[in-house]
Amino acid sequence: MNTRLFAAFALCMLMTAPALAADPTGLWQTPSRSGQVEISRCGANLCGRLVSSEGLKADPALKDVNNSNASLRSRPLKGVTILSGFSGGPKEWTGGSIYNAEDGKTYSGSITLDGDDTLKLRGCIVAPLCKTQSWTRLR
């Protein structure tokens, strides 16, 4: 009897493995300024916060000085939510916003999981004025 239970459990684990592999949550490396973003679930959506960057390594107290909203310019940059409101899956999430701390602006965007370890982030002022970046999974 225990052998059948174990076999059923093993089969269930094998069947769920691909779903776990396509999970975009985790720590991701951005292509600019050695940025690291932690992507997690925020309710039914995806969100991401800035964990590290060249600037934060040099000054952990770095502020969000370029924010287009003057009242937010004194907030610490570490931990700032830069991805919010992305819904969908399992390979593509849309309808979200991408905050770019370098210019202090927020863009509409989409996220596409390209394999297990690459994310394609597309941010747009208005279509077709868009830019795409590839992020690499760190963990």
N, C-alpha and C. Protein backbone atom coordinates (compact mmCIF):
# COMPACT_ATOMS: atom_id res chain seq x y z
N MET A 1 0.82 -1.19 0.00
CA MET A 1 0.00 0.00 0.00
C MET A 1 0.86 1.26 0.00
N ASN A 2 1.93 1.29 0.78
CA ASN A 2 2.81 2.44 0.83
C ASN A 2 3.49 2.68 -0.51
N THR A 3 3.78 1.62 -1.25
CA THR A 3 4.41 1.74 -2.56
C THR A 3 3.49 2.48 -3.53
N ARG A 4 2.20 2.19 -3.49
CA ARG A 4 1.24 2.86 -4.37
C ARG A 4 1.12 4.34 -4.01
N LEU A 5 1.09 4.62 -2.72
CA LEU A 5 1.01 6.01 -2.27
C LEU A 5 2.24 6.79 -2.72
N PHE A 6 3.41 6.19 -2.57
CA PHE A 6 4.64 6.84 -3.00
C PHE A 6 4.64 7.07 -4.51
N ALA A 7 4.19 6.07 -5.29
CA ALA A 7 4.14 6.21 -6.75
C ALA A 7 3.19 7.32 -7.16
N ALA A 8 2.05 7.42 -6.49
CA ALA A 8 1.09 8.49 -6.80
C ALA A 8 1.69 9.86 -6.48
N PHE A 9 2.38 9.94 -5.33
CA PHE A 9 3.02 11.20 -4.94
C PHE A 9 4.10 11.58 -5.96
N ALA A 10 4.93 10.64 -6.36
CA ALA A 10 6.00 10.90 -7.33
C ALA A 10 5.42 11.36 -8.66
N LEU A 11 4.33 10.74 -9.09
CA LEU A 11 3.68 11.13 -10.34
C LEU A 11 3.15 12.56 -10.26
N CYS A 12 2.55 12.91 -9.13
CA CYS A 12 2.06 14.28 -8.94
C CYS A 12 3.21 15.29 -8.98
N MET A 13 4.33 14.96 -8.38
CA MET A 13 5.48 15.86 -8.39
C MET A 13 6.01 16.05 -9.80
N LEU A 14 6.06 15.01 -10.59
CA LEU A 14 6.53 15.11 -11.97
C LEU A 14 5.58 15.95 -12.81
N MET A 15 4.29 15.82 -12.55
CA MET A 15 3.31 16.57 -13.33
C MET A 15 3.34 18.06 -13.00
N THR A 16 3.71 18.43 -11.78
CA THR A 16 3.73 19.84 -11.40
C THR A 16 5.08 20.49 -11.67
N ALA A 17 6.12 19.74 -11.98
CA ALA A 17 7.45 20.31 -12.19
C ALA A 17 7.47 21.37 -13.28
N PRO A 18 6.86 21.17 -14.46
CA PRO A 18 6.89 22.21 -15.47
C PRO A 18 6.23 23.50 -15.02
N ALA A 19 5.17 23.42 -14.24
CA ALA A 19 4.51 24.63 -13.77
C ALA A 19 5.43 25.41 -12.85
N LEU A 20 6.18 24.71 -12.01
CA LEU A 20 7.10 25.39 -11.12
C LEU A 20 8.25 26.02 -11.91
N ALA A 21 8.71 25.38 -12.97
CA ALA A 21 9.82 25.91 -13.75
C ALA A 21 9.44 27.20 -14.45
N ALA A 22 8.17 27.39 -14.78
CA ALA A 22 7.74 28.59 -15.50
C ALA A 22 7.35 29.72 -14.56
N ASP A 23 7.76 29.66 -13.33
CA ASP A 23 7.41 30.67 -12.34
C ASP A 23 8.36 31.86 -12.45
N PRO A 24 7.84 33.08 -12.65
CA PRO A 24 8.70 34.25 -12.79
C PRO A 24 9.14 34.85 -11.45
N THR A 25 8.65 34.31 -10.34
CA THR A 25 9.05 34.89 -9.06
C THR A 25 10.50 34.52 -8.77
N GLY A 26 11.18 35.42 -8.09
CA GLY A 26 12.57 35.19 -7.73
C GLY A 26 13.39 36.46 -7.91
N LEU A 27 14.69 36.32 -7.84
CA LEU A 27 15.61 37.44 -7.96
C LEU A 27 16.16 37.50 -9.38
N TRP A 28 16.08 38.68 -10.00
CA TRP A 28 16.47 38.87 -11.40
C TRP A 28 17.50 39.98 -11.52
N GLN A 29 18.45 39.76 -12.42
CA GLN A 29 19.51 40.73 -12.75
C GLN A 29 19.06 41.55 -13.95
N THR A 30 19.11 42.88 -13.83
CA THR A 30 18.78 43.74 -14.96
C THR A 30 20.05 44.01 -15.77
N PRO A 31 19.93 44.42 -17.03
CA PRO A 31 21.12 44.65 -17.84
C PRO A 31 21.81 45.99 -17.57
N SER A 32 21.18 46.86 -16.83
CA SER A 32 21.80 48.17 -16.60
C SER A 32 22.09 48.40 -15.12
N ARG A 33 23.22 48.96 -14.85
CA ARG A 33 23.65 49.37 -13.52
C ARG A 33 23.60 48.25 -12.46
N SER A 34 23.80 47.02 -12.90
CA SER A 34 23.83 45.86 -11.99
C SER A 34 22.60 45.81 -11.08
N GLY A 35 21.47 46.19 -11.62
CA GLY A 35 20.23 46.17 -10.83
C GLY A 35 19.78 44.76 -10.52
N GLN A 36 19.22 44.58 -9.35
CA GLN A 36 18.63 43.31 -8.95
C GLN A 36 17.22 43.59 -8.46
N VAL A 37 16.26 42.85 -9.02
CA VAL A 37 14.85 43.05 -8.71
C VAL A 37 14.26 41.74 -8.21
N GLU A 38 13.57 41.79 -7.09
CA GLU A 38 12.87 40.63 -6.53
C GLU A 38 11.43 40.68 -7.01
N ILE A 39 11.05 39.68 -7.82
CA ILE A 39 9.68 39.59 -8.33
C ILE A 39 8.91 38.61 -7.46
N SER A 40 7.71 39.03 -7.06
CA SER A 40 6.87 38.18 -6.21
C SER A 40 5.42 38.33 -6.62
N ARG A 41 4.58 37.55 -6.01
CA ARG A 41 3.14 37.65 -6.22
C ARG A 41 2.59 38.71 -5.27
N CYS A 42 1.76 39.57 -5.79
CA CYS A 42 1.04 40.56 -4.99
C CYS A 42 -0.44 40.31 -5.26
N GLY A 43 -1.02 39.44 -4.45
CA GLY A 43 -2.37 38.98 -4.73
C GLY A 43 -2.34 38.13 -5.99
N ALA A 44 -3.21 38.44 -6.95
CA ALA A 44 -3.25 37.70 -8.21
C ALA A 44 -2.24 38.22 -9.23
N ASN A 45 -1.57 39.32 -8.92
CA ASN A 45 -0.66 39.97 -9.86
C ASN A 45 0.80 39.73 -9.51
N LEU A 46 1.67 40.13 -10.44
CA LEU A 46 3.11 40.14 -10.19
C LEU A 46 3.54 41.55 -9.84
N CYS A 47 4.51 41.64 -8.95
CA CYS A 47 5.12 42.94 -8.65
C CYS A 47 6.61 42.70 -8.41
N GLY A 48 7.38 43.76 -8.42
CA GLY A 48 8.82 43.63 -8.21
C GLY A 48 9.38 44.84 -7.51
N ARG A 49 10.35 44.60 -6.64
CA ARG A 49 10.97 45.70 -5.91
C ARG A 49 12.48 45.69 -6.13
N LEU A 50 13.06 46.87 -6.12
CA LEU A 50 14.49 47.03 -6.31
C LEU A 50 15.22 46.58 -5.05
N VAL A 51 16.13 45.63 -5.22
CA VAL A 51 16.88 45.07 -4.09
C VAL A 51 18.28 45.66 -4.04
N SER A 52 18.93 45.79 -5.21
CA SER A 52 20.31 46.25 -5.25
C SER A 52 20.61 46.87 -6.62
N SER A 53 21.68 47.66 -6.65
CA SER A 53 22.17 48.27 -7.89
C SER A 53 23.55 48.84 -7.60
N GLU A 54 24.24 49.28 -8.65
CA GLU A 54 25.55 49.92 -8.44
C GLU A 54 25.41 51.10 -7.50
N GLY A 55 24.39 51.92 -7.73
CA GLY A 55 24.17 53.09 -6.90
C GLY A 55 23.91 52.74 -5.44
N LEU A 56 23.09 51.70 -5.20
CA LEU A 56 22.79 51.30 -3.83
C LEU A 56 23.99 50.67 -3.14
N LYS A 57 24.85 50.01 -3.91
CA LYS A 57 26.06 49.45 -3.32
C LYS A 57 27.00 50.57 -2.88
N ALA A 58 27.06 51.64 -3.67
CA ALA A 58 27.91 52.78 -3.32
C ALA A 58 27.30 53.60 -2.19
N ASP A 59 25.97 53.70 -2.16
CA ASP A 59 25.27 54.50 -1.14
C ASP A 59 23.94 53.83 -0.80
N PRO A 60 23.93 52.98 0.24
CA PRO A 60 22.70 52.27 0.60
C PRO A 60 21.52 53.19 0.95
N ALA A 61 21.81 54.45 1.25
CA ALA A 61 20.76 55.41 1.60
C ALA A 61 20.30 56.23 0.39
N LEU A 62 20.68 55.79 -0.80
CA LEU A 62 20.33 56.51 -2.03
C LEU A 62 18.84 56.79 -2.10
N LYS A 63 18.49 58.00 -2.48
CA LYS A 63 17.09 58.43 -2.56
C LYS A 63 16.59 58.39 -4.00
N ASP A 64 15.30 58.43 -4.15
CA ASP A 64 14.62 58.40 -5.44
C ASP A 64 14.55 59.82 -6.02
N VAL A 65 15.71 60.44 -6.21
CA VAL A 65 15.80 61.87 -6.53
C VAL A 65 15.25 62.25 -7.90
N ASN A 66 15.13 61.30 -8.82
CA ASN A 66 14.64 61.63 -10.17
C ASN A 66 13.14 61.43 -10.32
N ASN A 67 12.46 61.06 -9.25
CA ASN A 67 11.03 60.79 -9.34
C ASN A 67 10.28 62.01 -9.87
N SER A 68 9.38 61.79 -10.82
CA SER A 68 8.61 62.90 -11.38
C SER A 68 7.64 63.49 -10.35
N ASN A 69 7.36 62.74 -9.29
CA ASN A 69 6.54 63.25 -8.19
C ASN A 69 7.49 63.79 -7.12
N ALA A 70 7.56 65.09 -6.98
CA ALA A 70 8.50 65.72 -6.06
C ALA A 70 8.35 65.23 -4.62
N SER A 71 7.17 64.84 -4.20
CA SER A 71 6.97 64.39 -2.82
C SER A 71 7.60 63.03 -2.56
N LEU A 72 7.98 62.29 -3.61
CA LEU A 72 8.60 60.97 -3.44
C LEU A 72 10.12 61.00 -3.59
N ARG A 73 10.69 62.13 -3.86
CA ARG A 73 12.13 62.21 -4.11
C ARG A 73 13.00 61.96 -2.89
N SER A 74 12.43 62.03 -1.71
CA SER A 74 13.23 61.79 -0.50
C SER A 74 13.10 60.35 0.00
N ARG A 75 12.31 59.53 -0.66
CA ARG A 75 12.16 58.13 -0.22
C ARG A 75 13.41 57.33 -0.61
N PRO A 76 13.77 56.35 0.22
CA PRO A 76 14.91 55.49 -0.12
C PRO A 76 14.61 54.68 -1.38
N LEU A 77 15.58 54.53 -2.23
CA LEU A 77 15.41 53.79 -3.48
C LEU A 77 15.37 52.28 -3.23
N LYS A 78 16.11 51.81 -2.23
CA LYS A 78 16.12 50.38 -1.93
C LYS A 78 14.72 49.95 -1.47
N GLY A 79 14.20 48.92 -2.13
CA GLY A 79 12.89 48.40 -1.77
C GLY A 79 11.74 49.04 -2.53
N VAL A 80 12.03 50.03 -3.38
CA VAL A 80 10.96 50.68 -4.14
C VAL A 80 10.34 49.68 -5.11
N THR A 81 9.02 49.67 -5.17
CA THR A 81 8.30 48.83 -6.12
C THR A 81 8.47 49.43 -7.51
N ILE A 82 9.11 48.68 -8.41
CA ILE A 82 9.31 49.17 -9.77
C ILE A 82 8.45 48.43 -10.79
N LEU A 83 7.88 47.28 -10.39
CA LEU A 83 6.95 46.53 -11.24
C LEU A 83 5.66 46.36 -10.45
N SER A 84 4.53 46.67 -11.07
CA SER A 84 3.26 46.50 -10.36
C SER A 84 2.12 46.25 -11.33
N GLY A 85 1.13 45.50 -10.85
CA GLY A 85 -0.11 45.32 -11.58
C GLY A 85 -0.09 44.39 -12.77
N PHE A 86 0.89 43.51 -12.88
CA PHE A 86 0.97 42.61 -14.03
C PHE A 86 0.08 41.39 -13.80
N SER A 87 -0.81 41.12 -14.74
CA SER A 87 -1.69 39.96 -14.62
C SER A 87 -1.54 39.08 -15.85
N GLY A 88 -1.94 37.83 -15.70
CA GLY A 88 -1.86 36.89 -16.82
C GLY A 88 -1.11 35.65 -16.42
N GLY A 89 -0.22 35.23 -17.31
CA GLY A 89 0.57 34.03 -17.10
C GLY A 89 0.02 32.90 -17.95
N PRO A 90 0.62 31.78 -18.05
CA PRO A 90 1.82 31.41 -17.30
C PRO A 90 3.13 31.89 -17.93
N LYS A 91 3.09 32.39 -19.18
CA LYS A 91 4.32 32.85 -19.84
C LYS A 91 4.35 34.36 -20.06
N GLU A 92 3.17 35.02 -20.06
CA GLU A 92 3.13 36.45 -20.35
C GLU A 92 2.18 37.16 -19.39
N TRP A 93 2.64 38.32 -18.89
CA TRP A 93 1.85 39.14 -17.99
C TRP A 93 1.77 40.53 -18.60
N THR A 94 0.59 41.13 -18.58
CA THR A 94 0.37 42.43 -19.20
C THR A 94 -0.38 43.35 -18.25
N GLY A 95 -0.60 44.58 -18.71
CA GLY A 95 -1.40 45.52 -17.96
C GLY A 95 -0.72 46.14 -16.77
N GLY A 96 0.58 45.96 -16.66
CA GLY A 96 1.29 46.47 -15.50
C GLY A 96 2.04 47.75 -15.78
N SER A 97 2.71 48.23 -14.74
CA SER A 97 3.51 49.45 -14.81
C SER A 97 4.95 49.16 -14.43
N ILE A 98 5.86 49.84 -15.10
CA ILE A 98 7.29 49.73 -14.83
C ILE A 98 7.80 51.11 -14.45
N TYR A 99 8.33 51.23 -13.24
CA TYR A 99 8.91 52.50 -12.79
C TYR A 99 10.40 52.48 -13.09
N ASN A 100 10.89 53.51 -13.77
CA ASN A 100 12.31 53.64 -14.09
C ASN A 100 12.90 54.72 -13.19
N ALA A 101 13.67 54.32 -12.21
CA ALA A 101 14.25 55.26 -11.26
C ALA A 101 15.28 56.18 -11.91
N GLU A 102 15.84 55.77 -13.05
CA GLU A 102 16.84 56.60 -13.71
C GLU A 102 16.24 57.89 -14.27
N ASP A 103 15.00 57.82 -14.78
CA ASP A 103 14.37 59.04 -15.29
C ASP A 103 13.15 59.46 -14.47
N GLY A 104 12.79 58.65 -13.46
CA GLY A 104 11.70 59.00 -12.56
C GLY A 104 10.32 58.86 -13.17
N LYS A 105 10.20 58.13 -14.26
CA LYS A 105 8.91 57.99 -14.93
C LYS A 105 8.40 56.56 -14.87
N THR A 106 7.09 56.42 -15.05
CA THR A 106 6.43 55.12 -15.04
C THR A 106 5.88 54.84 -16.43
N TYR A 107 6.09 53.61 -16.89
CA TYR A 107 5.69 53.20 -18.24
C TYR A 107 4.75 52.02 -18.17
N SER A 108 3.87 51.90 -19.16
CA SER A 108 3.05 50.70 -19.26
C SER A 108 3.95 49.58 -19.77
N GLY A 109 3.63 48.35 -19.37
CA GLY A 109 4.55 47.30 -19.77
C GLY A 109 3.96 45.92 -19.81
N SER A 110 4.81 45.00 -20.23
CA SER A 110 4.50 43.58 -20.26
C SER A 110 5.75 42.81 -19.87
N ILE A 111 5.52 41.59 -19.38
CA ILE A 111 6.60 40.70 -18.98
C ILE A 111 6.37 39.37 -19.67
N THR A 112 7.42 38.85 -20.32
CA THR A 112 7.34 37.55 -20.97
C THR A 112 8.45 36.66 -20.45
N LEU A 113 8.08 35.48 -19.98
CA LEU A 113 9.07 34.51 -19.53
C LEU A 113 9.57 33.76 -20.75
N ASP A 114 10.87 33.88 -21.01
CA ASP A 114 11.50 33.27 -22.18
C ASP A 114 12.44 32.17 -21.69
N GLY A 115 11.89 30.97 -21.48
CA GLY A 115 12.65 29.90 -20.84
C GLY A 115 12.56 30.08 -19.33
N ASP A 116 13.31 29.28 -18.60
CA ASP A 116 13.24 29.34 -17.14
C ASP A 116 14.01 30.51 -16.55
N ASP A 117 15.04 31.00 -17.25
CA ASP A 117 15.96 31.95 -16.65
C ASP A 117 16.07 33.29 -17.35
N THR A 118 15.14 33.61 -18.25
CA THR A 118 15.17 34.90 -18.94
C THR A 118 13.78 35.52 -18.95
N LEU A 119 13.72 36.80 -18.57
CA LEU A 119 12.50 37.58 -18.67
C LEU A 119 12.70 38.67 -19.70
N LYS A 120 11.71 38.91 -20.50
CA LYS A 120 11.72 40.04 -21.44
C LYS A 120 10.73 41.06 -20.90
N LEU A 121 11.23 42.23 -20.52
CA LEU A 121 10.37 43.30 -20.04
C LEU A 121 10.24 44.34 -21.14
N ARG A 122 9.01 44.69 -21.45
CA ARG A 122 8.76 45.70 -22.47
C ARG A 122 8.04 46.87 -21.82
N GLY A 123 8.64 48.04 -21.91
CA GLY A 123 8.05 49.26 -21.38
C GLY A 123 7.75 50.22 -22.50
N CYS A 124 6.58 50.86 -22.44
CA CYS A 124 6.15 51.74 -23.52
C CYS A 124 5.68 53.09 -22.98
N ILE A 125 6.08 54.15 -23.68
CA ILE A 125 5.49 55.47 -23.43
C ILE A 125 4.07 55.39 -24.00
N VAL A 126 3.99 55.11 -25.28
CA VAL A 126 2.78 54.72 -26.01
C VAL A 126 3.27 53.84 -27.15
N ALA A 127 2.51 52.80 -27.46
CA ALA A 127 2.93 51.92 -28.57
C ALA A 127 2.93 52.74 -29.85
N PRO A 128 3.92 52.67 -30.66
CA PRO A 128 5.02 51.73 -30.71
C PRO A 128 6.30 52.24 -30.05
N LEU A 129 6.23 53.27 -29.23
CA LEU A 129 7.43 53.80 -28.57
C LEU A 129 7.74 52.97 -27.34
N CYS A 130 8.40 51.84 -27.58
CA CYS A 130 8.66 50.86 -26.53
C CYS A 130 10.13 50.47 -26.52
N LYS A 131 10.55 49.95 -25.37
CA LYS A 131 11.91 49.42 -25.23
C LYS A 131 11.80 48.09 -24.50
N THR A 132 12.58 47.11 -24.95
CA THR A 132 12.57 45.78 -24.33
C THR A 132 13.94 45.50 -23.72
N GLN A 133 13.93 44.93 -22.52
CA GLN A 133 15.14 44.49 -21.84
C GLN A 133 15.01 43.01 -21.52
N SER A 134 16.15 42.32 -21.48
CA SER A 134 16.20 40.93 -21.05
C SER A 134 16.82 40.88 -19.66
N TRP A 135 16.12 40.26 -18.73
CA TRP A 135 16.63 40.07 -17.37
C TRP A 135 16.99 38.60 -17.18
N THR A 136 18.02 38.35 -16.37
CA THR A 136 18.51 36.99 -16.13
C THR A 136 18.22 36.59 -14.68
N ARG A 137 17.71 35.37 -14.52
CA ARG A 137 17.39 34.89 -13.16
C ARG A 137 18.67 34.67 -12.38
N LEU A 138 18.68 35.17 -11.14
CA LEU A 138 19.77 34.90 -10.21
C LEU A 138 19.41 33.76 -9.27
N ARG A 139 18.15 33.70 -8.87
CA ARG A 139 17.63 32.58 -8.06
C ARG A 139 16.13 32.57 -8.13
